[in-house]
Protein backbone atom coordinates (compact mmCIF):
# COMPACT_ATOMS: atom_id res chain seq x y z
CA UNK A 1 0.00 0.00 0.00
CA UNK A 2 1.43 3.35 -1.04
CA UNK A 3 -1.23 6.10 -0.74
CA UNK A 4 -3.59 7.44 1.90
CA UNK A 5 -6.50 7.02 -0.54
CA UNK A 6 -5.67 3.34 -0.91
CA UNK A 7 -5.38 2.99 2.88
CA UNK A 8 -8.73 4.66 3.53
CA UNK A 9 -10.42 2.45 0.92
CA UNK A 10 -10.13 -0.38 3.49
CA UNK A 11 -12.58 1.06 6.00
CA UNK A 12 -16.24 0.50 6.76
CA UNK A 13 -18.46 2.71 8.90
CA UNK A 14 -19.54 1.19 12.21
CA UNK A 15 -21.50 3.82 14.11
CA UNK A 16 -19.02 6.61 14.79
CA UNK A 17 -16.09 4.22 14.27
CA UNK A 18 -14.30 3.67 11.00
CA UNK A 19 -13.37 0.00 11.14
CA UNK A 20 -10.40 -1.47 9.31
CA UNK A 21 -11.49 -4.32 7.04
CA UNK A 22 -8.06 -5.48 5.96
CA UNK A 23 -5.81 -7.92 7.82
CA UNK A 24 -5.60 -8.06 11.60
CA UNK A 25 -3.10 -9.24 14.18
CA UNK A 26 -3.82 -11.80 16.90
CA UNK A 27 -5.07 -9.06 19.23
CA UNK A 28 -7.64 -7.84 16.70
CA UNK A 29 -5.87 -4.66 15.60
CA UNK A 30 -5.78 -3.78 11.92
CA UNK A 31 -2.48 -4.41 10.14
CA UNK A 32 -1.24 -2.91 6.91
CA UNK A 33 1.90 -3.09 4.80
CA UNK A 34 2.65 0.60 4.30
CA UNK A 35 5.37 1.37 1.80
CA UNK A 36 7.14 -1.90 2.54
CA UNK A 37 6.78 -1.83 6.34
CA UNK A 38 4.19 -3.60 8.48
CA UNK A 39 2.22 -1.20 10.70
CA UNK A 40 -0.88 -1.23 12.81
CA UNK A 41 -3.69 0.51 10.95
CA UNK A 42 -4.59 2.74 13.92
CA UNK A 43 -1.00 4.00 14.16
CA UNK A 44 -0.88 4.76 10.43
CA UNK A 45 -4.22 6.59 10.62
CA UNK A 46 -2.90 8.67 13.52
CA UNK A 47 0.33 9.48 11.64
CA UNK A 48 -1.50 10.43 8.44
CA UNK A 49 -3.73 12.83 10.40
CA UNK A 50 -1.58 14.22 13.22
CA UNK A 51 2.01 13.46 12.21
CA UNK A 52 4.68 11.45 13.96
CA UNK A 53 3.82 9.52 17.10
CA UNK A 54 6.05 10.64 19.98
CA UNK A 55 8.78 8.13 20.83
CA UNK A 56 7.61 5.62 23.43
CA UNK A 57 3.93 6.48 22.98
CA UNK A 58 1.03 4.24 22.03
CA UNK A 59 -1.93 5.12 19.86
CA UNK A 60 -4.92 4.61 22.14
CA UNK A 61 -8.62 4.35 21.33
CA UNK A 62 -11.27 6.44 23.10
CA UNK A 63 -13.84 4.04 21.61
CA UNK A 64 -12.04 0.87 22.81
CA UNK A 65 -12.50 -0.70 19.36
CA UNK A 66 -9.18 -2.19 18.12
CA UNK A 67 -10.41 -2.13 14.50
CA UNK A 68 -11.27 1.58 14.59
CA UNK A 69 -8.98 3.92 12.68
CA UNK A 70 -11.13 7.04 13.04
CA UNK A 71 -8.62 9.79 13.91
CA UNK A 72 -11.28 11.43 16.13
CA UNK A 73 -11.13 8.30 18.33
CA UNK A 74 -7.33 8.04 18.52
CA UNK A 75 -4.95 9.69 20.96
CA UNK A 76 -1.26 9.32 21.74
CA UNK A 77 -0.50 8.27 25.27
CA UNK A 78 1.99 6.42 27.41
CA UNK A 79 1.46 2.84 28.48
CA UNK A 80 0.54 4.10 31.95
CA UNK A 81 -2.06 6.52 30.53
CA UNK A 82 -3.54 3.71 28.44
CA UNK A 83 -3.75 1.44 31.50
CA UNK A 84 -5.37 4.17 33.61
CA UNK A 85 -7.88 4.77 30.81
CA UNK A 86 -8.66 1.03 30.70
CA UNK A 87 -9.17 0.87 34.47
CA UNK A 88 -11.32 4.03 34.52
CA UNK A 89 -13.61 2.35 31.97
CA UNK A 90 -13.82 -0.85 34.03
CA UNK A 91 -11.96 -3.00 31.52
CA UNK A 92 -9.05 -5.37 32.13
CA UNK A 93 -8.75 -8.23 34.54
CA UNK A 94 -7.38 -7.21 37.90
CA UNK A 95 -6.13 -4.41 40.11
CA UNK A 96 -4.04 -5.73 42.99
CA UNK A 97 -6.00 -8.97 43.17
CA UNK A 98 -9.45 -7.40 42.85
CA UNK A 99 -11.75 -8.09 39.94
CA UNK A 100 -12.80 -5.08 37.88
CA UNK A 101 -16.49 -4.71 37.17
CA UNK A 102 -17.69 -6.40 33.98
CA UNK A 103 -14.56 -8.53 33.77
CA UNK A 104 -13.93 -12.15 34.69
CA UNK A 105 -11.08 -12.71 37.12
CA UNK A 106 -9.17 -14.86 34.67
CA UNK A 107 -10.79 -15.04 31.22
CA UNK A 108 -8.72 -18.02 30.02
CA UNK A 109 -8.79 -20.00 33.26
CA UNK A 110 -9.90 -23.64 33.26
CA UNK A 111 -11.28 -23.23 36.77
CA UNK A 112 -13.91 -20.92 38.18
CA UNK A 113 -13.67 -19.21 41.56
CA UNK A 114 -16.13 -21.78 42.92
CA UNK A 115 -13.92 -24.61 41.62
CA UNK A 116 -10.91 -23.17 43.45
CA UNK A 117 -12.90 -22.78 46.67
CA UNK A 118 -14.05 -26.39 46.33
CA UNK A 119 -10.49 -27.59 45.73
CA UNK A 120 -9.24 -25.73 48.81
CA UNK A 121 -12.08 -27.13 50.89
CA UNK A 122 -11.32 -30.68 49.74
CA UNK A 123 -7.62 -30.18 50.47
CA UNK A 124 -8.39 -28.87 53.96
CA UNK A 125 -10.37 -32.06 54.62
CA UNK A 126 -7.29 -34.13 53.75
CA UNK A 127 -8.20 -35.26 50.24
CA UNK A 128 -5.15 -36.03 48.09
CA UNK A 129 -4.17 -33.59 45.34
CA UNK A 130 -3.93 -36.46 42.82
CA UNK A 131 -7.60 -37.40 43.37
CA UNK A 132 -8.77 -33.80 43.12
CA UNK A 133 -6.67 -33.25 40.00
CA UNK A 134 -8.29 -36.22 38.26
CA UNK A 135 -11.78 -34.92 39.02
CA UNK A 136 -10.93 -31.57 37.39
CA UNK A 137 -8.76 -33.05 34.60
CA UNK A 138 -5.73 -31.10 35.86
CA UNK A 139 -2.24 -32.01 37.01
CA UNK A 140 -1.60 -32.61 40.70
CA UNK A 141 1.00 -29.85 40.47
CA UNK A 142 -1.73 -27.35 39.57
CA UNK A 143 -3.67 -28.45 42.64
CA UNK A 144 -0.49 -28.06 44.72
CA UNK A 145 0.02 -24.57 43.34
CA UNK A 146 -3.52 -23.67 44.39
CA UNK A 147 -2.86 -25.12 47.85
CA UNK A 148 0.37 -23.14 48.35
CA UNK A 149 -1.09 -19.95 46.92
CA UNK A 150 1.15 -19.85 43.86
CA UNK A 151 -2.00 -19.94 41.71
CA UNK A 152 -5.21 -18.07 42.55
CA UNK A 153 -3.53 -16.22 45.43
CA UNK A 154 -5.91 -13.29 44.88
CA UNK A 155 -8.86 -15.53 45.80
CA UNK A 156 -9.18 -15.95 49.55
C-alpha atoms as a PDB file:
ATOM      1  CA  UNK A   1       0.000   0.000   0.000  1.00  0.00           C
ATOM      2  CA  UNK A   2       1.429   3.347  -1.040  1.00  0.00           C
ATOM      3  CA  UNK A   3      -1.232   6.096  -0.742  1.00  0.00           C
ATOM      4  CA  UNK A   4      -3.594   7.440   1.897  1.00  0.00           C
ATOM      5  CA  UNK A   5      -6.502   7.021  -0.539  1.00  0.00           C
ATOM      6  CA  UNK A   6      -5.670   3.341  -0.909  1.00  0.00           C
ATOM      7  CA  UNK A   7      -5.382   2.993   2.880  1.00  0.00           C
ATOM      8  CA  UNK A   8      -8.734   4.661   3.526  1.00  0.00           C
ATOM      9  CA  UNK A   9     -10.418   2.454   0.915  1.00  0.00           C
ATOM     10  CA  UNK A  10     -10.133  -0.385   3.493  1.00  0.00           C
ATOM     11  CA  UNK A  11     -12.584   1.056   6.000  1.00  0.00           C
ATOM     12  CA  UNK A  12     -16.236   0.501   6.761  1.00  0.00           C
ATOM     13  CA  UNK A  13     -18.463   2.710   8.902  1.00  0.00           C
ATOM     14  CA  UNK A  14     -19.540   1.190  12.208  1.00  0.00           C
ATOM     15  CA  UNK A  15     -21.503   3.824  14.112  1.00  0.00           C
ATOM     16  CA  UNK A  16     -19.025   6.608  14.785  1.00  0.00           C
ATOM     17  CA  UNK A  17     -16.090   4.217  14.266  1.00  0.00           C
ATOM     18  CA  UNK A  18     -14.296   3.673  10.997  1.00  0.00           C
ATOM     19  CA  UNK A  19     -13.372  -0.004  11.137  1.00  0.00           C
ATOM     20  CA  UNK A  20     -10.401  -1.474   9.307  1.00  0.00           C
ATOM     21  CA  UNK A  21     -11.492  -4.316   7.043  1.00  0.00           C
ATOM     22  CA  UNK A  22      -8.064  -5.480   5.965  1.00  0.00           C
ATOM     23  CA  UNK A  23      -5.815  -7.918   7.819  1.00  0.00           C
ATOM     24  CA  UNK A  24      -5.597  -8.061  11.599  1.00  0.00           C
ATOM     25  CA  UNK A  25      -3.099  -9.236  14.178  1.00  0.00           C
ATOM     26  CA  UNK A  26      -3.816 -11.799  16.898  1.00  0.00           C
ATOM     27  CA  UNK A  27      -5.068  -9.060  19.231  1.00  0.00           C
ATOM     28  CA  UNK A  28      -7.643  -7.837  16.698  1.00  0.00           C
ATOM     29  CA  UNK A  29      -5.866  -4.659  15.603  1.00  0.00           C
ATOM     30  CA  UNK A  30      -5.781  -3.783  11.919  1.00  0.00           C
ATOM     31  CA  UNK A  31      -2.479  -4.409  10.136  1.00  0.00           C
ATOM     32  CA  UNK A  32      -1.244  -2.907   6.911  1.00  0.00           C
ATOM     33  CA  UNK A  33       1.900  -3.086   4.801  1.00  0.00           C
ATOM     34  CA  UNK A  34       2.645   0.599   4.298  1.00  0.00           C
ATOM     35  CA  UNK A  35       5.373   1.366   1.802  1.00  0.00           C
ATOM     36  CA  UNK A  36       7.141  -1.903   2.543  1.00  0.00           C
ATOM     37  CA  UNK A  37       6.776  -1.831   6.341  1.00  0.00           C
ATOM     38  CA  UNK A  38       4.186  -3.597   8.478  1.00  0.00           C
ATOM     39  CA  UNK A  39       2.225  -1.201  10.698  1.00  0.00           C
ATOM     40  CA  UNK A  40      -0.882  -1.225  12.806  1.00  0.00           C
ATOM     41  CA  UNK A  41      -3.686   0.512  10.953  1.00  0.00           C
ATOM     42  CA  UNK A  42      -4.593   2.745  13.916  1.00  0.00           C
ATOM     43  CA  UNK A  43      -0.998   4.001  14.159  1.00  0.00           C
ATOM     44  CA  UNK A  44      -0.884   4.762  10.433  1.00  0.00           C
ATOM     45  CA  UNK A  45      -4.219   6.589  10.619  1.00  0.00           C
ATOM     46  CA  UNK A  46      -2.895   8.670  13.524  1.00  0.00           C
ATOM     47  CA  UNK A  47       0.328   9.481  11.642  1.00  0.00           C
ATOM     48  CA  UNK A  48      -1.501  10.430   8.440  1.00  0.00           C
ATOM     49  CA  UNK A  49      -3.731  12.825  10.403  1.00  0.00           C
ATOM     50  CA  UNK A  50      -1.580  14.224  13.220  1.00  0.00           C
ATOM     51  CA  UNK A  51       2.005  13.462  12.210  1.00  0.00           C
ATOM     52  CA  UNK A  52       4.681  11.452  13.957  1.00  0.00           C
ATOM     53  CA  UNK A  53       3.823   9.519  17.100  1.00  0.00           C
ATOM     54  CA  UNK A  54       6.049  10.643  19.985  1.00  0.00           C
ATOM     55  CA  UNK A  55       8.777   8.130  20.826  1.00  0.00           C
ATOM     56  CA  UNK A  56       7.608   5.615  23.430  1.00  0.00           C
ATOM     57  CA  UNK A  57       3.928   6.475  22.982  1.00  0.00           C
ATOM     58  CA  UNK A  58       1.035   4.240  22.031  1.00  0.00           C
ATOM     59  CA  UNK A  59      -1.926   5.121  19.859  1.00  0.00           C
ATOM     60  CA  UNK A  60      -4.915   4.609  22.139  1.00  0.00           C
ATOM     61  CA  UNK A  61      -8.625   4.345  21.330  1.00  0.00           C
ATOM     62  CA  UNK A  62     -11.268   6.442  23.095  1.00  0.00           C
ATOM     63  CA  UNK A  63     -13.840   4.040  21.609  1.00  0.00           C
ATOM     64  CA  UNK A  64     -12.040   0.867  22.806  1.00  0.00           C
ATOM     65  CA  UNK A  65     -12.496  -0.704  19.363  1.00  0.00           C
ATOM     66  CA  UNK A  66      -9.184  -2.193  18.120  1.00  0.00           C
ATOM     67  CA  UNK A  67     -10.412  -2.127  14.504  1.00  0.00           C
ATOM     68  CA  UNK A  68     -11.269   1.583  14.588  1.00  0.00           C
ATOM     69  CA  UNK A  69      -8.977   3.918  12.676  1.00  0.00           C
ATOM     70  CA  UNK A  70     -11.126   7.043  13.041  1.00  0.00           C
ATOM     71  CA  UNK A  71      -8.619   9.795  13.910  1.00  0.00           C
ATOM     72  CA  UNK A  72     -11.278  11.427  16.127  1.00  0.00           C
ATOM     73  CA  UNK A  73     -11.130   8.296  18.334  1.00  0.00           C
ATOM     74  CA  UNK A  74      -7.331   8.045  18.517  1.00  0.00           C
ATOM     75  CA  UNK A  75      -4.952   9.687  20.960  1.00  0.00           C
ATOM     76  CA  UNK A  76      -1.261   9.324  21.739  1.00  0.00           C
ATOM     77  CA  UNK A  77      -0.495   8.266  25.272  1.00  0.00           C
ATOM     78  CA  UNK A  78       1.987   6.421  27.410  1.00  0.00           C
ATOM     79  CA  UNK A  79       1.457   2.835  28.482  1.00  0.00           C
ATOM     80  CA  UNK A  80       0.538   4.098  31.951  1.00  0.00           C
ATOM     81  CA  UNK A  81      -2.056   6.520  30.533  1.00  0.00           C
ATOM     82  CA  UNK A  82      -3.543   3.707  28.441  1.00  0.00           C
ATOM     83  CA  UNK A  83      -3.753   1.437  31.496  1.00  0.00           C
ATOM     84  CA  UNK A  84      -5.366   4.170  33.611  1.00  0.00           C
ATOM     85  CA  UNK A  85      -7.884   4.769  30.809  1.00  0.00           C
ATOM     86  CA  UNK A  86      -8.657   1.034  30.696  1.00  0.00           C
ATOM     87  CA  UNK A  87      -9.170   0.868  34.466  1.00  0.00           C
ATOM     88  CA  UNK A  88     -11.325   4.026  34.522  1.00  0.00           C
ATOM     89  CA  UNK A  89     -13.606   2.353  31.971  1.00  0.00           C
ATOM     90  CA  UNK A  90     -13.823  -0.846  34.027  1.00  0.00           C
ATOM     91  CA  UNK A  91     -11.955  -3.003  31.518  1.00  0.00           C
ATOM     92  CA  UNK A  92      -9.053  -5.366  32.134  1.00  0.00           C
ATOM     93  CA  UNK A  93      -8.749  -8.232  34.544  1.00  0.00           C
ATOM     94  CA  UNK A  94      -7.379  -7.210  37.905  1.00  0.00           C
ATOM     95  CA  UNK A  95      -6.133  -4.410  40.109  1.00  0.00           C
ATOM     96  CA  UNK A  96      -4.040  -5.732  42.990  1.00  0.00           C
ATOM     97  CA  UNK A  97      -5.998  -8.975  43.166  1.00  0.00           C
ATOM     98  CA  UNK A  98      -9.453  -7.403  42.850  1.00  0.00           C
ATOM     99  CA  UNK A  99     -11.752  -8.087  39.938  1.00  0.00           C
ATOM    100  CA  UNK A 100     -12.800  -5.079  37.880  1.00  0.00           C
ATOM    101  CA  UNK A 101     -16.491  -4.713  37.173  1.00  0.00           C
ATOM    102  CA  UNK A 102     -17.690  -6.401  33.980  1.00  0.00           C
ATOM    103  CA  UNK A 103     -14.558  -8.531  33.772  1.00  0.00           C
ATOM    104  CA  UNK A 104     -13.927 -12.153  34.691  1.00  0.00           C
ATOM    105  CA  UNK A 105     -11.084 -12.709  37.122  1.00  0.00           C
ATOM    106  CA  UNK A 106      -9.170 -14.860  34.669  1.00  0.00           C
ATOM    107  CA  UNK A 107     -10.792 -15.039  31.220  1.00  0.00           C
ATOM    108  CA  UNK A 108      -8.716 -18.023  30.019  1.00  0.00           C
ATOM    109  CA  UNK A 109      -8.794 -19.996  33.260  1.00  0.00           C
ATOM    110  CA  UNK A 110      -9.898 -23.637  33.258  1.00  0.00           C
ATOM    111  CA  UNK A 111     -11.283 -23.229  36.769  1.00  0.00           C
ATOM    112  CA  UNK A 112     -13.909 -20.917  38.181  1.00  0.00           C
ATOM    113  CA  UNK A 113     -13.669 -19.212  41.557  1.00  0.00           C
ATOM    114  CA  UNK A 114     -16.135 -21.783  42.917  1.00  0.00           C
ATOM    115  CA  UNK A 115     -13.916 -24.612  41.621  1.00  0.00           C
ATOM    116  CA  UNK A 116     -10.906 -23.166  43.455  1.00  0.00           C
ATOM    117  CA  UNK A 117     -12.897 -22.779  46.665  1.00  0.00           C
ATOM    118  CA  UNK A 118     -14.052 -26.392  46.331  1.00  0.00           C
ATOM    119  CA  UNK A 119     -10.486 -27.586  45.730  1.00  0.00           C
ATOM    120  CA  UNK A 120      -9.238 -25.734  48.807  1.00  0.00           C
ATOM    121  CA  UNK A 121     -12.077 -27.131  50.892  1.00  0.00           C
ATOM    122  CA  UNK A 122     -11.323 -30.678  49.737  1.00  0.00           C
ATOM    123  CA  UNK A 123      -7.616 -30.178  50.467  1.00  0.00           C
ATOM    124  CA  UNK A 124      -8.390 -28.874  53.961  1.00  0.00           C
ATOM    125  CA  UNK A 125     -10.372 -32.061  54.624  1.00  0.00           C
ATOM    126  CA  UNK A 126      -7.291 -34.129  53.748  1.00  0.00           C
ATOM    127  CA  UNK A 127      -8.198 -35.258  50.240  1.00  0.00           C
ATOM    128  CA  UNK A 128      -5.147 -36.030  48.088  1.00  0.00           C
ATOM    129  CA  UNK A 129      -4.172 -33.589  45.336  1.00  0.00           C
ATOM    130  CA  UNK A 130      -3.935 -36.458  42.825  1.00  0.00           C
ATOM    131  CA  UNK A 131      -7.597 -37.401  43.369  1.00  0.00           C
ATOM    132  CA  UNK A 132      -8.766 -33.799  43.125  1.00  0.00           C
ATOM    133  CA  UNK A 133      -6.669 -33.249  39.997  1.00  0.00           C
ATOM    134  CA  UNK A 134      -8.290 -36.219  38.264  1.00  0.00           C
ATOM    135  CA  UNK A 135     -11.779 -34.924  39.019  1.00  0.00           C
ATOM    136  CA  UNK A 136     -10.927 -31.573  37.389  1.00  0.00           C
ATOM    137  CA  UNK A 137      -8.760 -33.046  34.602  1.00  0.00           C
ATOM    138  CA  UNK A 138      -5.726 -31.101  35.862  1.00  0.00           C
ATOM    139  CA  UNK A 139      -2.245 -32.009  37.008  1.00  0.00           C
ATOM    140  CA  UNK A 140      -1.603 -32.612  40.701  1.00  0.00           C
ATOM    141  CA  UNK A 141       0.998 -29.850  40.475  1.00  0.00           C
ATOM    142  CA  UNK A 142      -1.728 -27.355  39.570  1.00  0.00           C
ATOM    143  CA  UNK A 143      -3.667 -28.450  42.638  1.00  0.00           C
ATOM    144  CA  UNK A 144      -0.495 -28.065  44.722  1.00  0.00           C
ATOM    145  CA  UNK A 145       0.021 -24.566  43.342  1.00  0.00           C
ATOM    146  CA  UNK A 146      -3.516 -23.666  44.394  1.00  0.00           C
ATOM    147  CA  UNK A 147      -2.859 -25.122  47.848  1.00  0.00           C
ATOM    148  CA  UNK A 148       0.368 -23.144  48.354  1.00  0.00           C
ATOM    149  CA  UNK A 149      -1.088 -19.950  46.921  1.00  0.00           C
ATOM    150  CA  UNK A 150       1.152 -19.851  43.861  1.00  0.00           C
ATOM    151  CA  UNK A 151      -1.998 -19.945  41.712  1.00  0.00           C
ATOM    152  CA  UNK A 152      -5.208 -18.073  42.554  1.00  0.00           C
ATOM    153  CA  UNK A 153      -3.528 -16.220  45.432  1.00  0.00           C
ATOM    154  CA  UNK A 154      -5.914 -13.293  44.885  1.00  0.00           C
ATOM    155  CA  UNK A 155      -8.862 -15.529  45.802  1.00  0.00           C
ATOM    156  CA  UNK A 156      -9.176 -15.952  49.554  1.00  0.00           C
END
